Amino acid sequence: MAWEDLARDGPRWRSAVREGVTLFEKERRRKAEEKRQRHKERDAAPALPQLASYTCPFCGKVCVS
């Protein structure tokens, strides 16, 4: 059915618009949730690689570099 025909029929038009808005909102929320999940996973991962430690043979202090 063409948009023009649907627009002439008020109740069907409103129904189609509501359905479209509902589908759009569900998709928007799903994408937002996926984005939040990716951010959480990124923040949970260690930012820096494991650093090697070196113990000084003279003073015994541990140097992490």
C-alpha atoms as a PDB file:
ATOM      1  CA  MET A   1       0.000   0.000   0.000  1.00  0.00           C
ATOM      2  CA  ALA A   2       1.293   3.457  -0.891  1.00  0.00           C
ATOM      3  CA  TRP A   3       2.003   6.057   1.794  1.00  0.00           C
ATOM      4  CA  GLU A   4      -0.526   8.414   0.232  1.00  0.00           C
ATOM      5  CA  ASP A   5      -3.323   5.844   0.479  1.00  0.00           C
ATOM      6  CA  LEU A   6      -2.379   5.075   4.053  1.00  0.00           C
ATOM      7  CA  ALA A   7      -2.278   8.795   4.944  1.00  0.00           C
ATOM      8  CA  ARG A   8      -5.859   9.260   3.719  1.00  0.00           C
ATOM      9  CA  ASP A   9      -7.073   6.671   6.233  1.00  0.00           C
ATOM     10  CA  GLY A  10      -6.470   8.401   9.605  1.00  0.00           C
ATOM     11  CA  PRO A  11      -6.766   5.436  11.999  1.00  0.00           C
ATOM     12  CA  ARG A  12      -4.603   3.145   9.850  1.00  0.00           C
ATOM     13  CA  TRP A  13      -2.055   5.949   9.439  1.00  0.00           C
ATOM     14  CA  ARG A  14      -1.821   6.512  13.198  1.00  0.00           C
ATOM     15  CA  SER A  15      -1.514   2.779  13.756  1.00  0.00           C
ATOM     16  CA  ALA A  16       1.294   2.513  11.203  1.00  0.00           C
ATOM     17  CA  VAL A  17       3.112   5.490  12.734  1.00  0.00           C
ATOM     18  CA  ARG A  18       2.828   4.050  16.255  1.00  0.00           C
ATOM     19  CA  GLU A  19       4.113   0.686  15.059  1.00  0.00           C
ATOM     20  CA  GLY A  20       7.035   2.341  13.283  1.00  0.00           C
ATOM     21  CA  VAL A  21       7.907   4.389  16.358  1.00  0.00           C
ATOM     22  CA  THR A  22       7.744   1.294  18.544  1.00  0.00           C
ATOM     23  CA  LEU A  23      10.077  -0.661  16.256  1.00  0.00           C
ATOM     24  CA  PHE A  24      12.478   2.277  16.001  1.00  0.00           C
ATOM     25  CA  GLU A  25      12.559   2.712  19.786  1.00  0.00           C
ATOM     26  CA  LYS A  26      13.210  -1.009  20.396  1.00  0.00           C
ATOM     27  CA  GLU A  27      16.112  -0.939  17.947  1.00  0.00           C
ATOM     28  CA  ARG A  28      17.500   2.268  19.479  1.00  0.00           C
ATOM     29  CA  ARG A  29      17.384   0.764  22.968  1.00  0.00           C
ATOM     30  CA  ARG A  30      19.019  -2.473  21.785  1.00  0.00           C
ATOM     31  CA  LYS A  31      21.887  -0.557  20.182  1.00  0.00           C
ATOM     32  CA  ALA A  32      22.317   1.626  23.272  1.00  0.00           C
ATOM     33  CA  GLU A  33      22.474  -1.457  25.487  1.00  0.00           C
ATOM     34  CA  GLU A  34      25.081  -3.055  23.217  1.00  0.00           C
ATOM     35  CA  LYS A  35      27.121   0.145  23.321  1.00  0.00           C
ATOM     36  CA  ARG A  36      26.957   0.250  27.140  1.00  0.00           C
ATOM     37  CA  GLN A  37      28.013  -3.405  27.279  1.00  0.00           C
ATOM     38  CA  ARG A  38      31.021  -2.734  25.024  1.00  0.00           C
ATOM     39  CA  HIS A  39      32.057   0.179  27.253  1.00  0.00           C
ATOM     40  CA  LYS A  40      31.732  -1.975  30.381  1.00  0.00           C
ATOM     41  CA  GLU A  41      33.843  -4.722  28.811  1.00  0.00           C
ATOM     42  CA  ARG A  42      36.453  -2.206  27.697  1.00  0.00           C
ATOM     43  CA  ASP A  43      36.595  -0.625  31.171  1.00  0.00           C
ATOM     44  CA  ALA A  44      36.863  -4.034  32.857  1.00  0.00           C
ATOM     45  CA  ALA A  45      39.906  -4.994  30.784  1.00  0.00           C
ATOM     46  CA  PRO A  46      43.292  -3.934  32.146  1.00  0.00           C
ATOM     47  CA  ALA A  47      44.405  -0.699  30.529  1.00  0.00           C
ATOM     48  CA  LEU A  48      48.117  -1.494  30.659  1.00  0.00           C
ATOM     49  CA  PRO A  49      49.897  -4.738  29.822  1.00  0.00           C
ATOM     50  CA  GLN A  50      51.551  -6.620  32.636  1.00  0.00           C
ATOM     51  CA  LEU A  51      54.716  -4.812  33.588  1.00  0.00           C
ATOM     52  CA  ALA A  52      57.952  -6.652  34.172  1.00  0.00           C
ATOM     53  CA  SER A  53      59.447  -6.308  37.625  1.00  0.00           C
ATOM     54  CA  TYR A  54      63.137  -6.145  38.395  1.00  0.00           C
ATOM     55  CA  THR A  55      64.703  -6.547  41.819  1.00  0.00           C
ATOM     56  CA  CYS A  56      67.852  -4.523  42.335  1.00  0.00           C
ATOM     57  CA  PRO A  57      70.709  -6.826  43.348  1.00  0.00           C
ATOM     58  CA  PHE A  58      72.251  -4.096  45.526  1.00  0.00           C
ATOM     59  CA  CYS A  59      69.368  -2.619  47.532  1.00  0.00           C
ATOM     60  CA  GLY A  60      66.632  -5.233  47.045  1.00  0.00           C
ATOM     61  CA  LYS A  61      64.020  -2.717  45.856  1.00  0.00           C
ATOM     62  CA  VAL A  62      61.578  -3.839  43.211  1.00  0.00           C
ATOM     63  CA  CYS A  63      61.451  -1.685  40.117  1.00  0.00           C
ATOM     64  CA  VAL A  64      58.437  -1.955  37.876  1.00  0.00           C
ATOM     65  CA  SER A  65      58.973  -0.582  34.407  1.00  0.00           C
END
